[in-house]
Amino acid sequence: MLPGLLRLKNPLSFQKAFRYGKPFFFGNIGSRIVFQTGNGRKIGFVVAKKMFHHAVDRNRVKRIFSEATHPLSDAFPEDASIVLFLRKRPEAVELSGFQNDIRGLIRAINMSFQSKKQV
């Protein structure tokens, strides 16, 4: 489980990140990132009601998201609010599948920000 210090909890922070954040996509997972100084790294998860109609299923997917993100959380950029979400309903909700997609997403995010730092 993702530690409480890394979780994005404030509804206004979720809204700000989801509305104004820079989008990144890889596989079935998408993300939006907003940089905020001094807050540290915060990660939140969103699962749409259209994909999983029952709250039990949405909560299960969020827990699996959290488990997949926890070992990789240090690779995300510092001082960023990050919202992860599903682009489409996965055929199977598996920890290994989410981890592979999150690794690819982190690579895309870091490559994008490294190229901007070099310019």
PDB file of N, CA and C in Angstrom:
ATOM      1  N   MET A   1       0.844  -1.185   0.000  1.00  0.00           N
ATOM      2  CA  MET A   1       0.000   0.000   0.000  1.00  0.00           C
ATOM      3  C   MET A   1       0.881   1.237   0.000  1.00  0.00           C
ATOM      4  N   LEU A   2       0.449   2.235  -0.703  1.00  0.00           N
ATOM      5  CA  LEU A   2       1.180   3.497  -0.773  1.00  0.00           C
ATOM      6  C   LEU A   2       1.099   4.200   0.571  1.00  0.00           C
ATOM      7  N   PRO A   3       2.234   4.661   1.129  1.00  0.00           N
ATOM      8  CA  PRO A   3       2.205   5.331   2.430  1.00  0.00           C
ATOM      9  C   PRO A   3       1.339   6.589   2.408  1.00  0.00           C
ATOM     10  N   GLY A   4       0.770   6.916   3.549  1.00  0.00           N
ATOM     11  CA  GLY A   4      -0.132   8.067   3.645  1.00  0.00           C
ATOM     12  C   GLY A   4       0.514   9.386   3.280  1.00  0.00           C
ATOM     13  N   LEU A   5       1.816   9.515   3.504  1.00  0.00           N
ATOM     14  CA  LEU A   5       2.508  10.759   3.168  1.00  0.00           C
ATOM     15  C   LEU A   5       2.591  10.997   1.671  1.00  0.00           C
ATOM     16  N   LEU A   6       2.494   9.927   0.883  1.00  0.00           N
ATOM     17  CA  LEU A   6       2.578  10.061  -0.569  1.00  0.00           C
ATOM     18  C   LEU A   6       1.216  10.167  -1.244  1.00  0.00           C
ATOM     19  N   ARG A   7       0.146   9.996  -0.505  1.00  0.00           N
ATOM     20  CA  ARG A   7      -1.183   9.998  -1.109  1.00  0.00           C
ATOM     21  C   ARG A   7      -1.708  11.405  -1.326  1.00  0.00           C
ATOM     22  N   LEU A   8      -2.321  11.598  -2.455  1.00  0.00           N
ATOM     23  CA  LEU A   8      -2.993  12.849  -2.781  1.00  0.00           C
ATOM     24  C   LEU A   8      -4.413  12.743  -2.232  1.00  0.00           C
ATOM     25  N   LYS A   9      -4.737  13.548  -1.209  1.00  0.00           N
ATOM     26  CA  LYS A   9      -6.009  13.387  -0.510  1.00  0.00           C
ATOM     27  C   LYS A   9      -6.965  14.552  -0.703  1.00  0.00           C
ATOM     28  N   ASN A  10      -6.446  15.740  -0.834  1.00  0.00           N
ATOM     29  CA  ASN A  10      -7.263  16.941  -0.900  1.00  0.00           C
ATOM     30  C   ASN A  10      -8.062  16.987  -2.213  1.00  0.00           C
ATOM     31  N   PRO A  11      -9.389  17.128  -2.161  1.00  0.00           N
ATOM     32  CA  PRO A  11     -10.195  17.180  -3.391  1.00  0.00           C
ATOM     33  C   PRO A  11      -9.800  18.331  -4.321  1.00  0.00           C
ATOM     34  N   LEU A  12      -9.378  19.454  -3.765  1.00  0.00           N
ATOM     35  CA  LEU A  12      -8.962  20.573  -4.612  1.00  0.00           C
ATOM     36  C   LEU A  12      -7.665  20.250  -5.354  1.00  0.00           C
ATOM     37  N   SER A  13      -6.766  19.521  -4.707  1.00  0.00           N
ATOM     38  CA  SER A  13      -5.525  19.110  -5.370  1.00  0.00           C
ATOM     39  C   SER A  13      -5.813  18.123  -6.496  1.00  0.00           C
ATOM     40  N   PHE A  14      -6.746  17.199  -6.251  1.00  0.00           N
ATOM     41  CA  PHE A  14      -7.163  16.268  -7.306  1.00  0.00           C
ATOM     42  C   PHE A  14      -7.712  17.042  -8.494  1.00  0.00           C
ATOM     43  N   GLN A  15      -8.601  17.978  -8.212  1.00  0.00           N
ATOM     44  CA  GLN A  15      -9.233  18.747  -9.277  1.00  0.00           C
ATOM     45  C   GLN A  15      -8.204  19.556 -10.060  1.00  0.00           C
ATOM     46  N   LYS A  16      -7.281  20.183  -9.358  1.00  0.00           N
ATOM     47  CA  LYS A  16      -6.251  20.991 -10.011  1.00  0.00           C
ATOM     48  C   LYS A  16      -5.371  20.123 -10.902  1.00  0.00           C
ATOM     49  N   ALA A  17      -4.938  18.979 -10.383  1.00  0.00           N
ATOM     50  CA  ALA A  17      -4.082  18.088 -11.163  1.00  0.00           C
ATOM     51  C   ALA A  17      -4.830  17.511 -12.354  1.00  0.00           C
ATOM     52  N   PHE A  18      -6.066  17.118 -12.142  1.00  0.00           N
ATOM     53  CA  PHE A  18      -6.823  16.477 -13.225  1.00  0.00           C
ATOM     54  C   PHE A  18      -7.213  17.479 -14.304  1.00  0.00           C
ATOM     55  N   ARG A  19      -7.484  18.706 -13.918  1.00  0.00           N
ATOM     56  CA  ARG A  19      -7.926  19.707 -14.887  1.00  0.00           C
ATOM     57  C   ARG A  19      -6.763  20.386 -15.609  1.00  0.00           C
ATOM     58  N   TYR A  20      -5.706  20.747 -14.858  1.00  0.00           N
ATOM     59  CA  TYR A  20      -4.638  21.560 -15.428  1.00  0.00           C
ATOM     60  C   TYR A  20      -3.322  20.803 -15.628  1.00  0.00           C
ATOM     61  N   GLY A  21      -3.281  19.558 -15.240  1.00  0.00           N
ATOM     62  CA  GLY A  21      -2.035  18.808 -15.315  1.00  0.00           C
ATOM     63  C   GLY A  21      -1.636  18.431 -16.727  1.00  0.00           C
ATOM     64  N   LYS A  22      -0.345  18.220 -16.902  1.00  0.00           N
ATOM     65  CA  LYS A  22       0.181  17.781 -18.190  1.00  0.00           C
ATOM     66  C   LYS A  22      -0.120  16.293 -18.350  1.00  0.00           C
ATOM     67  N   PRO A  23      -0.746  15.904 -19.466  1.00  0.00           N
ATOM     68  CA  PRO A  23      -1.132  14.498 -19.628  1.00  0.00           C
ATOM     69  C   PRO A  23       0.017  13.624 -20.153  1.00  0.00           C
ATOM     70  N   PHE A  24       0.080  12.407 -19.645  1.00  0.00           N
ATOM     71  CA  PHE A  24       0.997  11.379 -20.122  1.00  0.00           C
ATOM     72  C   PHE A  24       0.221  10.070 -20.177  1.00  0.00           C
ATOM     73  N   PHE A  25       0.514   9.236 -21.195  1.00  0.00           N
ATOM     74  CA  PHE A  25      -0.195   7.980 -21.370  1.00  0.00           C
ATOM     75  C   PHE A  25       0.791   6.871 -21.703  1.00  0.00           C
ATOM     76  N   PHE A  26       0.496   5.671 -21.208  1.00  0.00           N
ATOM     77  CA  PHE A  26       1.242   4.483 -21.585  1.00  0.00           C
ATOM     78  C   PHE A  26       0.351   3.277 -21.328  1.00  0.00           C
ATOM     79  N   GLY A  27       0.133   2.484 -22.356  1.00  0.00           N
ATOM     80  CA  GLY A  27      -0.721   1.305 -22.213  1.00  0.00           C
ATOM     81  C   GLY A  27      -2.133   1.696 -21.798  1.00  0.00           C
ATOM     82  N   ASN A  28      -2.654   1.040 -20.778  1.00  0.00           N
ATOM     83  CA  ASN A  28      -4.002   1.330 -20.274  1.00  0.00           C
ATOM     84  C   ASN A  28      -4.026   2.457 -19.259  1.00  0.00           C
ATOM     85  N   ILE A  29      -2.867   2.974 -18.877  1.00  0.00           N
ATOM     86  CA  ILE A  29      -2.800   3.949 -17.793  1.00  0.00           C
ATOM     87  C   ILE A  29      -2.478   5.335 -18.331  1.00  0.00           C
ATOM     88  N   GLY A  30      -3.186   6.301 -17.804  1.00  0.00           N
ATOM     89  CA  GLY A  30      -2.910   7.695 -18.107  1.00  0.00           C
ATOM     90  C   GLY A  30      -2.600   8.434 -16.823  1.00  0.00           C
ATOM     91  N   SER A  31      -1.993   9.597 -16.969  1.00  0.00           N
ATOM     92  CA  SER A  31      -1.695  10.391 -15.780  1.00  0.00           C
ATOM     93  C   SER A  31      -1.754  11.863 -16.130  1.00  0.00           C
ATOM     94  N   ARG A  32      -1.925  12.659 -15.108  1.00  0.00           N
ATOM     95  CA  ARG A  32      -1.856  14.112 -15.206  1.00  0.00           C
ATOM     96  C   ARG A  32      -0.950  14.582 -14.086  1.00  0.00           C
ATOM     97  N   ILE A  33      -0.028  15.498 -14.420  1.00  0.00           N
ATOM     98  CA  ILE A  33       0.975  15.944 -13.460  1.00  0.00           C
ATOM     99  C   ILE A  33       0.973  17.463 -13.381  1.00  0.00           C
ATOM    100  N   VAL A  34       0.940  17.958 -12.148  1.00  0.00           N
ATOM    101  CA  VAL A  34       1.072  19.391 -11.853  1.00  0.00           C
ATOM    102  C   VAL A  34       2.217  19.542 -10.871  1.00  0.00           C
ATOM    103  N   PHE A  35       3.110  20.481 -11.142  1.00  0.00           N
ATOM    104  CA  PHE A  35       4.223  20.728 -10.229  1.00  0.00           C
ATOM    105  C   PHE A  35       3.843  21.805  -9.236  1.00  0.00           C
ATOM    106  N   GLN A  36       4.105  21.520  -7.947  1.00  0.00           N
ATOM    107  CA  GLN A  36       3.840  22.466  -6.863  1.00  0.00           C
ATOM    108  C   GLN A  36       5.050  22.442  -5.946  1.00  0.00           C
ATOM    109  N   THR A  37       5.601  23.606  -5.672  1.00  0.00           N
ATOM    110  CA  THR A  37       6.792  23.648  -4.838  1.00  0.00           C
ATOM    111  C   THR A  37       6.436  23.466  -3.369  1.00  0.00           C
ATOM    112  N   GLY A  38       7.254  22.713  -2.680  1.00  0.00           N
ATOM    113  CA  GLY A  38       7.127  22.555  -1.242  1.00  0.00           C
ATOM    114  C   GLY A  38       6.186  21.477  -0.766  1.00  0.00           C
ATOM    115  N   ASN A  39       5.372  20.905  -1.621  1.00  0.00           N
ATOM    116  CA  ASN A  39       4.422  19.885  -1.177  1.00  0.00           C
ATOM    117  C   ASN A  39       4.995  18.478  -1.226  1.00  0.00           C
ATOM    118  N   GLY A  40       6.080  18.285  -1.938  1.00  0.00           N
ATOM    119  CA  GLY A  40       6.620  16.941  -2.101  1.00  0.00           C
ATOM    120  C   GLY A  40       5.843  16.183  -3.166  1.00  0.00           C
ATOM    121  N   ARG A  41       6.125  14.908  -3.262  1.00  0.00           N
ATOM    122  CA  ARG A  41       5.487  14.059  -4.261  1.00  0.00           C
ATOM    123  C   ARG A  41       4.180  13.511  -3.690  1.00  0.00           C
ATOM    124  N   LYS A  42       3.081  13.713  -4.408  1.00  0.00           N
ATOM    125  CA  LYS A  42       1.770  13.196  -3.998  1.00  0.00           C
ATOM    126  C   LYS A  42       1.161  12.447  -5.176  1.00  0.00           C
ATOM    127  N   ILE A  43       0.631  11.256  -4.905  1.00  0.00           N
ATOM    128  CA  ILE A  43       0.078  10.408  -5.951  1.00  0.00           C
ATOM    129  C   ILE A  43      -1.349  10.031  -5.586  1.00  0.00           C
ATOM    130  N   GLY A  44      -2.263  10.184  -6.547  1.00  0.00           N
ATOM    131  CA  GLY A  44      -3.657   9.816  -6.351  1.00  0.00           C
ATOM    132  C   GLY A  44      -4.133   8.920  -7.483  1.00  0.00           C
ATOM    133  N   PHE A  45      -5.236   8.234  -7.258  1.00  0.00           N
ATOM    134  CA  PHE A  45      -5.770   7.282  -8.226  1.00  0.00           C
ATOM    135  C   PHE A  45      -7.247   7.567  -8.475  1.00  0.00           C
ATOM    136  N   VAL A  46      -7.655   7.468  -9.740  1.00  0.00           N
ATOM    137  CA  VAL A  46      -9.049   7.674 -10.107  1.00  0.00           C
ATOM    138  C   VAL A  46      -9.482   6.491 -10.966  1.00  0.00           C
ATOM    139  N   VAL A  47     -10.623   5.909 -10.633  1.00  0.00           N
ATOM    140  CA  VAL A  47     -11.217   4.839 -11.439  1.00  0.00           C
ATOM    141  C   VAL A  47     -12.651   5.263 -11.746  1.00  0.00           C
ATOM    142  N   ALA A  48     -12.975   5.342 -13.018  1.00  0.00           N
ATOM    143  CA  ALA A  48     -14.279   5.853 -13.453  1.00  0.00           C
ATOM    144  C   ALA A  48     -15.409   4.871 -13.143  1.00  0.00           C
ATOM    145  N   LYS A  49     -16.550   5.443 -12.818  1.00  0.00           N
ATOM    146  CA  LYS A  49     -17.734   4.637 -12.528  1.00  0.00           C
ATOM    147  C   LYS A  49     -18.252   3.950 -13.788  1.00  0.00           C
ATOM    148  N   LYS A  50     -17.947   4.527 -14.947  1.00  0.00           N
ATOM    149  CA  LYS A  50     -18.377   3.914 -16.209  1.00  0.00           C
ATOM    150  C   LYS A  50     -17.649   2.599 -16.481  1.00  0.00           C
ATOM    151  N   MET A  51     -16.423   2.469 -15.973  1.00  0.00           N
ATOM    152  CA  MET A  51     -15.652   1.245 -16.202  1.00  0.00           C
ATOM    153  C   MET A  51     -16.019   0.147 -15.216  1.00  0.00           C
ATOM    154  N   PHE A  52     -16.125   0.517 -13.949  1.00  0.00           N
ATOM    155  CA  PHE A  52     -16.458  -0.428 -12.890  1.00  0.00           C
ATOM    156  C   PHE A  52     -17.654   0.140 -12.136  1.00  0.00           C
ATOM    157  N   HIS A  53     -18.813  -0.446 -12.339  1.00  0.00           N
ATOM    158  CA  HIS A  53     -20.057   0.097 -11.801  1.00  0.00           C
ATOM    159  C   HIS A  53     -20.159  -0.022 -10.288  1.00  0.00           C
ATOM    160  N   HIS A  54     -19.574  -1.057  -9.714  1.00  0.00           N
ATOM    161  CA  HIS A  54     -19.683  -1.278  -8.277  1.00  0.00           C
ATOM    162  C   HIS A  54     -18.499  -0.662  -7.546  1.00  0.00           C
ATOM    163  N   ALA A  55     -18.777  -0.040  -6.417  1.00  0.00           N
ATOM    164  CA  ALA A  55     -17.735   0.611  -5.627  1.00  0.00           C
ATOM    165  C   ALA A  55     -16.696  -0.398  -5.143  1.00  0.00           C
ATOM    166  N   VAL A  56     -17.120  -1.621  -4.888  1.00  0.00           N
ATOM    167  CA  VAL A  56     -16.193  -2.658  -4.438  1.00  0.00           C
ATOM    168  C   VAL A  56     -15.128  -2.899  -5.510  1.00  0.00           C
ATOM    169  N   ASP A  57     -15.551  -2.956  -6.763  1.00  0.00           N
ATOM    170  CA  ASP A  57     -14.605  -3.177  -7.859  1.00  0.00           C
ATOM    171  C   ASP A  57     -13.673  -1.977  -8.039  1.00  0.00           C
ATOM    172  N   ARG A  58     -14.207  -0.769  -7.941  1.00  0.00           N
ATOM    173  CA  ARG A  58     -13.369   0.441  -8.064  1.00  0.00           C
ATOM    174  C   ARG A  58     -12.330   0.489  -6.952  1.00  0.00           C
ATOM    175  N   ASN A  59     -12.732   0.170  -5.738  1.00  0.00           N
ATOM    176  CA  ASN A  59     -11.798   0.176  -4.614  1.00  0.00           C
ATOM    177  C   ASN A  59     -10.717  -0.897  -4.771  1.00  0.00           C
ATOM    178  N   ARG A  60     -11.090  -2.048  -5.301  1.00  0.00           N
ATOM    179  CA  ARG A  60     -10.115  -3.119  -5.535  1.00  0.00           C
ATOM    180  C   ARG A  60      -9.077  -2.669  -6.564  1.00  0.00           C
ATOM    181  N   VAL A  61      -9.527  -2.024  -7.631  1.00  0.00           N
ATOM    182  CA  VAL A  61      -8.605  -1.538  -8.659  1.00  0.00           C
ATOM    183  C   VAL A  61      -7.689  -0.457  -8.077  1.00  0.00           C
ATOM    184  N   LYS A  62      -8.222   0.416  -7.225  1.00  0.00           N
ATOM    185  CA  LYS A  62      -7.394   1.454  -6.596  1.00  0.00           C
ATOM    186  C   LYS A  62      -6.341   0.840  -5.676  1.00  0.00           C
ATOM    187  N   ARG A  63      -6.701  -0.220  -4.966  1.00  0.00           N
ATOM    188  CA  ARG A  63      -5.730  -0.896  -4.097  1.00  0.00           C
ATOM    189  C   ARG A  63      -4.623  -1.539  -4.925  1.00  0.00           C
ATOM    190  N   ILE A  64      -4.990  -2.152  -6.043  1.00  0.00           N
ATOM    191  CA  ILE A  64      -3.985  -2.757  -6.915  1.00  0.00           C
ATOM    192  C   ILE A  64      -3.099  -1.671  -7.521  1.00  0.00           C
ATOM    193  N   PHE A  65      -3.691  -0.542  -7.926  1.00  0.00           N
ATOM    194  CA  PHE A  65      -2.920   0.622  -8.390  1.00  0.00           C
ATOM    195  C   PHE A  65      -1.903   1.024  -7.327  1.00  0.00           C
ATOM    196  N   SER A  66      -2.355   1.117  -6.097  1.00  0.00           N
ATOM    197  CA  SER A  66      -1.499   1.542  -4.993  1.00  0.00           C
ATOM    198  C   SER A  66      -0.356   0.557  -4.779  1.00  0.00           C
ATOM    199  N   GLU A  67      -0.659  -0.739  -4.804  1.00  0.00           N
ATOM    200  CA  GLU A  67       0.371  -1.765  -4.635  1.00  0.00           C
ATOM    201  C   GLU A  67       1.382  -1.729  -5.780  1.00  0.00           C
ATOM    202  N   ALA A  68       0.919  -1.475  -6.990  1.00  0.00           N
ATOM    203  CA  ALA A  68       1.820  -1.430  -8.141  1.00  0.00           C
ATOM    204  C   ALA A  68       2.691  -0.179  -8.121  1.00  0.00           C
ATOM    205  N   THR A  69       2.182   0.902  -7.570  1.00  0.00           N
ATOM    206  CA  THR A  69       2.900   2.177  -7.575  1.00  0.00           C
ATOM    207  C   THR A  69       3.902   2.275  -6.435  1.00  0.00           C
ATOM    208  N   HIS A  70       3.636   1.646  -5.316  1.00  0.00           N
ATOM    209  CA  HIS A  70       4.474   1.800  -4.126  1.00  0.00           C
ATOM    210  C   HIS A  70       5.968   1.551  -4.378  1.00  0.00           C
ATOM    211  N   PRO A  71       6.385   0.424  -4.982  1.00  0.00           N
ATOM    212  CA  PRO A  71       7.829   0.237  -5.177  1.00  0.00           C
ATOM    213  C   PRO A  71       8.441   1.188  -6.206  1.00  0.00           C
ATOM    214  N   LEU A  72       7.606   1.791  -7.057  1.00  0.00           N
ATOM    215  CA  LEU A  72       8.095   2.669  -8.119  1.00  0.00           C
ATOM    216  C   LEU A  72       7.903   4.147  -7.795  1.00  0.00           C
ATOM    217  N   SER A  73       7.413   4.471  -6.602  1.00  0.00           N
ATOM    218  CA  SER A  73       7.049   5.850  -6.288  1.00  0.00           C
ATOM    219  C   SER A  73       8.237   6.803  -6.267  1.00  0.00           C
ATOM    220  N   ASP A  74       9.436   6.308  -5.974  1.00  0.00           N
ATOM    221  CA  ASP A  74      10.607   7.183  -5.946  1.00  0.00           C
ATOM    222  C   ASP A  74      11.027   7.649  -7.341  1.00  0.00           C
ATOM    223  N   ALA A  75      10.582   6.964  -8.378  1.00  0.00           N
ATOM    224  CA  ALA A  75      10.970   7.326  -9.737  1.00  0.00           C
ATOM    225  C   ALA A  75      10.137   8.490 -10.295  1.00  0.00           C
ATOM    226  N   PHE A  76       9.008   8.795  -9.661  1.00  0.00           N
ATOM    227  CA  PHE A  76       8.199   9.933 -10.114  1.00  0.00           C
ATOM    228  C   PHE A  76       8.913  11.237  -9.774  1.00  0.00           C
ATOM    229  N   PRO A  77       8.640  12.313 -10.518  1.00  0.00           N
ATOM    230  CA  PRO A  77       9.296  13.602 -10.241  1.00  0.00           C
ATOM    231  C   PRO A  77       8.952  14.139  -8.853  1.00  0.00           C
ATOM    232  N   GLU A  78       9.904  14.858  -8.256  1.00  0.00           N
ATOM    233  CA  GLU A  78       9.706  15.500  -6.949  1.00  0.00           C
ATOM    234  C   GLU A  78       8.786  16.709  -7.088  1.00  0.00           C
ATOM    235  N   ASP A  79       8.155  17.112  -5.989  1.00  0.00           N
ATOM    236  CA  ASP A  79       7.286  18.299  -5.925  1.00  0.00           C
ATOM    237  C   ASP A  79       6.208  18.280  -7.009  1.00  0.00           C
ATOM    238  N   ALA A  80       5.574  17.135  -7.186  1.00  0.00           N
ATOM    239  CA  ALA A  80       4.535  17.001  -8.197  1.00  0.00           C
ATOM    240  C   ALA A  80       3.301  16.341  -7.596  1.00  0.00           C
ATOM    241  N   SER A  81       2.136  16.790  -8.047  1.00  0.00           N
ATOM    242  CA  SER A  81       0.883  16.105  -7.743  1.00  0.00           C
ATOM    243  C   SER A  81       0.535  15.282  -8.970  1.00  0.00           C
ATOM    244  N   ILE A  82       0.391  13.985  -8.783  1.00  0.00           N
ATOM    245  CA  ILE A  82       0.199  13.063  -9.900  1.00  0.00           C
ATOM    246  C   ILE A  82      -1.106  12.313  -9.700  1.00  0.00           C
ATOM    247  N   VAL A  83      -1.950  12.316 -10.725  1.00  0.00           N
ATOM    248  CA  VAL A  83      -3.191  11.553 -10.702  1.00  0.00           C
ATOM    249  C   VAL A  83      -3.086  10.480 -11.773  1.00  0.00           C
ATOM    250  N   LEU A  84      -3.214   9.222 -11.363  1.00  0.00           N
ATOM    251  CA  LEU A  84      -3.195   8.091 -12.280  1.00  0.00           C
ATOM    252  C   LEU A  84      -4.617   7.607 -12.506  1.00  0.00           C
ATOM    253  N   PHE A  85      -4.920   7.245 -13.749  1.00  0.00           N
ATOM    254  CA  PHE A  85      -6.266   6.760 -14.077  1.00  0.00           C
ATOM    255  C   PHE A  85      -6.180   5.737 -15.194  1.00  0.00           C
ATOM    256  N   LEU A  86      -7.264   5.003 -15.394  1.00  0.00           N
ATOM    257  CA  LEU A  86      -7.346   4.010 -16.460  1.00  0.00           C
ATOM    258  C   LEU A  86      -7.920   4.658 -17.707  1.00  0.00           C
ATOM    259  N   ARG A  87      -7.316   4.396 -18.841  1.00  0.00           N
ATOM    260  CA  ARG A  87      -7.828   4.930 -20.100  1.00  0.00           C
ATOM    261  C   ARG A  87      -8.989   4.094 -20.628  1.00  0.00           C
ATOM    262  N   LYS A  88      -8.867   2.783 -20.483  1.00  0.00           N
ATOM    263  CA  LYS A  88      -9.938   1.880 -20.896  1.00  0.00           C
ATOM    264  C   LYS A  88      -9.956   0.705 -19.936  1.00  0.00           C
ATOM    265  N   ARG A  89     -11.044   0.008 -19.927  1.00  0.00           N
ATOM    266  CA  ARG A  89     -11.191  -1.108 -18.991  1.00  0.00           C
ATOM    267  C   ARG A  89     -10.227  -2.223 -19.366  1.00  0.00           C
ATOM    268  N   PRO A  90      -9.377  -2.651 -18.423  1.00  0.00           N
ATOM    269  CA  PRO A  90      -8.434  -3.735 -18.714  1.00  0.00           C
ATOM    270  C   PRO A  90      -9.143  -5.077 -18.780  1.00  0.00           C
ATOM    271  N   GLU A  91      -8.569  -5.974 -19.581  1.00  0.00           N
ATOM    272  CA  GLU A  91      -9.148  -7.316 -19.678  1.00  0.00           C
ATOM    273  C   GLU A  91      -9.012  -8.052 -18.347  1.00  0.00           C
ATOM    274  N   ALA A  92      -7.864  -7.896 -17.719  1.00  0.00           N
ATOM    275  CA  ALA A  92      -7.621  -8.514 -16.419  1.00  0.00           C
ATOM    276  C   ALA A  92      -6.939  -7.490 -15.520  1.00  0.00           C
ATOM    277  N   VAL A  93      -7.406  -7.387 -14.300  1.00  0.00           N
ATOM    278  CA  VAL A  93      -6.820  -6.454 -13.337  1.00  0.00           C
ATOM    279  C   VAL A  93      -5.741  -7.222 -12.579  1.00  0.00           C
ATOM    280  N   GLU A  94      -4.470  -7.032 -13.016  1.00  0.00           N
ATOM    281  CA  GLU A  94      -3.356  -7.760 -12.426  1.00  0.00           C
ATOM    282  C   GLU A  94      -2.280  -6.790 -11.975  1.00  0.00           C
ATOM    283  N   LEU A  95      -1.622  -7.129 -10.898  1.00  0.00           N
ATOM    284  CA  LEU A  95      -0.559  -6.300 -10.350  1.00  0.00           C
ATOM    285  C   LEU A  95       0.599  -6.163 -11.336  1.00  0.00           C
ATOM    286  N   SER A  96       1.012  -7.257 -11.956  1.00  0.00           N
ATOM    287  CA  SER A  96       2.160  -7.217 -12.872  1.00  0.00           C
ATOM    288  C   SER A  96       1.860  -6.374 -14.108  1.00  0.00           C
ATOM    289  N   GLY A  97       0.640  -6.445 -14.616  1.00  0.00           N
ATOM    290  CA  GLY A  97       0.265  -5.626 -15.772  1.00  0.00           C
ATOM    291  C   GLY A  97       0.302  -4.145 -15.452  1.00  0.00           C
ATOM    292  N   PHE A  98      -0.204  -3.781 -14.278  1.00  0.00           N
ATOM    293  CA  PHE A  98      -0.167  -2.379 -13.854  1.00  0.00           C
ATOM    294  C   PHE A  98       1.267  -1.905 -13.645  1.00  0.00           C
ATOM    295  N   GLN A  99       2.103  -2.754 -13.059  1.00  0.00           N
ATOM    296  CA  GLN A  99       3.493  -2.360 -12.815  1.00  0.00           C
ATOM    297  C   GLN A  99       4.231  -2.110 -14.126  1.00  0.00           C
ATOM    298  N   ASN A 100       4.003  -2.946 -15.132  1.00  0.00           N
ATOM    299  CA  ASN A 100       4.647  -2.738 -16.429  1.00  0.00           C
ATOM    300  C   ASN A 100       4.194  -1.423 -17.063  1.00  0.00           C
ATOM    301  N   ASP A 101       2.906  -1.150 -17.009  1.00  0.00           N
ATOM    302  CA  ASP A 101       2.396   0.100 -17.581  1.00  0.00           C
ATOM    303  C   ASP A 101       2.910   1.313 -16.807  1.00  0.00           C
ATOM    304  N   ILE A 102       3.006   1.204 -15.487  1.00  0.00           N
ATOM    305  CA  ILE A 102       3.501   2.325 -14.674  1.00  0.00           C
ATOM    306  C   ILE A 102       4.979   2.566 -14.950  1.00  0.00           C
ATOM    307  N   ARG A 103       5.759   1.499 -15.138  1.00  0.00           N
ATOM    308  CA  ARG A 103       7.181   1.671 -15.492  1.00  0.00           C
ATOM    309  C   ARG A 103       7.312   2.427 -16.816  1.00  0.00           C
ATOM    310  N   GLY A 104       6.534   2.037 -17.805  1.00  0.00           N
ATOM    311  CA  GLY A 104       6.562   2.733 -19.096  1.00  0.00           C
ATOM    312  C   GLY A 104       6.121   4.181 -18.970  1.00  0.00           C
ATOM    313  N   LEU A 105       5.132   4.423 -18.149  1.00  0.00           N
ATOM    314  CA  LEU A 105       4.644   5.782 -17.915  1.00  0.00           C
ATOM    315  C   LEU A 105       5.722   6.632 -17.247  1.00  0.00           C
ATOM    316  N   ILE A 106       6.418   6.073 -16.273  1.00  0.00           N
ATOM    317  CA  ILE A 106       7.491   6.803 -15.595  1.00  0.00           C
ATOM    318  C   ILE A 106       8.613   7.131 -16.577  1.00  0.00           C
ATOM    319  N   ARG A 107       8.945   6.179 -17.453  1.00  0.00           N
ATOM    320  CA  ARG A 107       9.970   6.442 -18.465  1.00  0.00           C
ATOM    321  C   ARG A 107       9.554   7.596 -19.372  1.00  0.00           C
ATOM    322  N   ALA A 108       8.296   7.596 -19.805  1.00  0.00           N
ATOM    323  CA  ALA A 108       7.810   8.673 -20.676  1.00  0.00           C
ATOM    324  C   ALA A 108       7.845  10.022 -19.966  1.00  0.00           C
ATOM    325  N   ILE A 109       7.457  10.038 -18.707  1.00  0.00           N
ATOM    326  CA  ILE A 109       7.453  11.286 -17.931  1.00  0.00           C
ATOM    327  C   ILE A 109       8.873  11.803 -17.758  1.00  0.00           C
ATOM    328  N   ASN A 110       9.779  10.941 -17.345  1.00  0.00           N
ATOM    329  CA  ASN A 110      11.156  11.367 -17.096  1.00  0.00           C
ATOM    330  C   ASN A 110      11.863  11.785 -18.378  1.00  0.00           C
ATOM    331  N   MET A 111      11.599  11.104 -19.486  1.00  0.00           N
ATOM    332  CA  MET A 111      12.200  11.505 -20.761  1.00  0.00           C
ATOM    333  C   MET A 111      11.703  12.876 -21.183  1.00  0.00           C
ATOM    334  N   SER A 112      10.443  13.142 -20.972  1.00  0.00           N
ATOM    335  CA  SER A 112       9.879  14.442 -21.341  1.00  0.00           C
ATOM    336  C   SER A 112      10.505  15.565 -20.540  1.00  0.00           C
ATOM    337  N   PHE A 113      10.647  15.357 -19.239  1.00  0.00           N
ATOM    338  CA  PHE A 113      11.192  16.421 -18.401  1.00  0.00           C
ATOM    339  C   PHE A 113      12.701  16.546 -18.526  1.00  0.00           C
ATOM    340  N   GLN A 114      13.417  15.476 -18.870  1.00  0.00           N
ATOM    341  CA  GLN A 114      14.859  15.569 -19.079  1.00  0.00           C
ATOM    342  C   GLN A 114      15.165  16.349 -20.341  1.00  0.00           C
ATOM    343  N   SER A 115      14.369  16.151 -21.381  1.00  0.00           N
ATOM    344  CA  SER A 115      14.611  16.875 -22.634  1.00  0.00           C
ATOM    345  C   SER A 115      14.365  18.372 -22.446  1.00  0.00           C
ATOM    346  N   LYS A 116      13.421  18.745 -21.592  1.00  0.00           N
ATOM    347  CA  LYS A 116      13.164  20.156 -21.339  1.00  0.00           C
ATOM    348  C   LYS A 116      14.265  20.792 -20.498  1.00  0.00           C
ATOM    349  N   LYS A 117      14.864  20.004 -19.586  1.00  0.00           N
ATOM    350  CA  LYS A 117      15.936  20.529 -18.742  1.00  0.00           C
ATOM    351  C   LYS A 117      17.202  20.786 -19.556  1.00  0.00           C
ATOM    352  N   GLN A 118      17.428  19.990 -20.626  1.00  0.00           N
ATOM    353  CA  GLN A 118      18.635  20.136 -21.412  1.00  0.00           C
ATOM    354  C   GLN A 118      18.570  21.342 -22.336  1.00  0.00           C
ATOM    355  N   VAL A 119      17.383  21.772 -22.726  1.00  0.00           N
ATOM    356  CA  VAL A 119      17.237  22.880 -23.684  1.00  0.00           C
ATOM    357  C   VAL A 119      17.554  24.194 -23.055  1.00  0.00           C
TER     358      VAL A 119
END
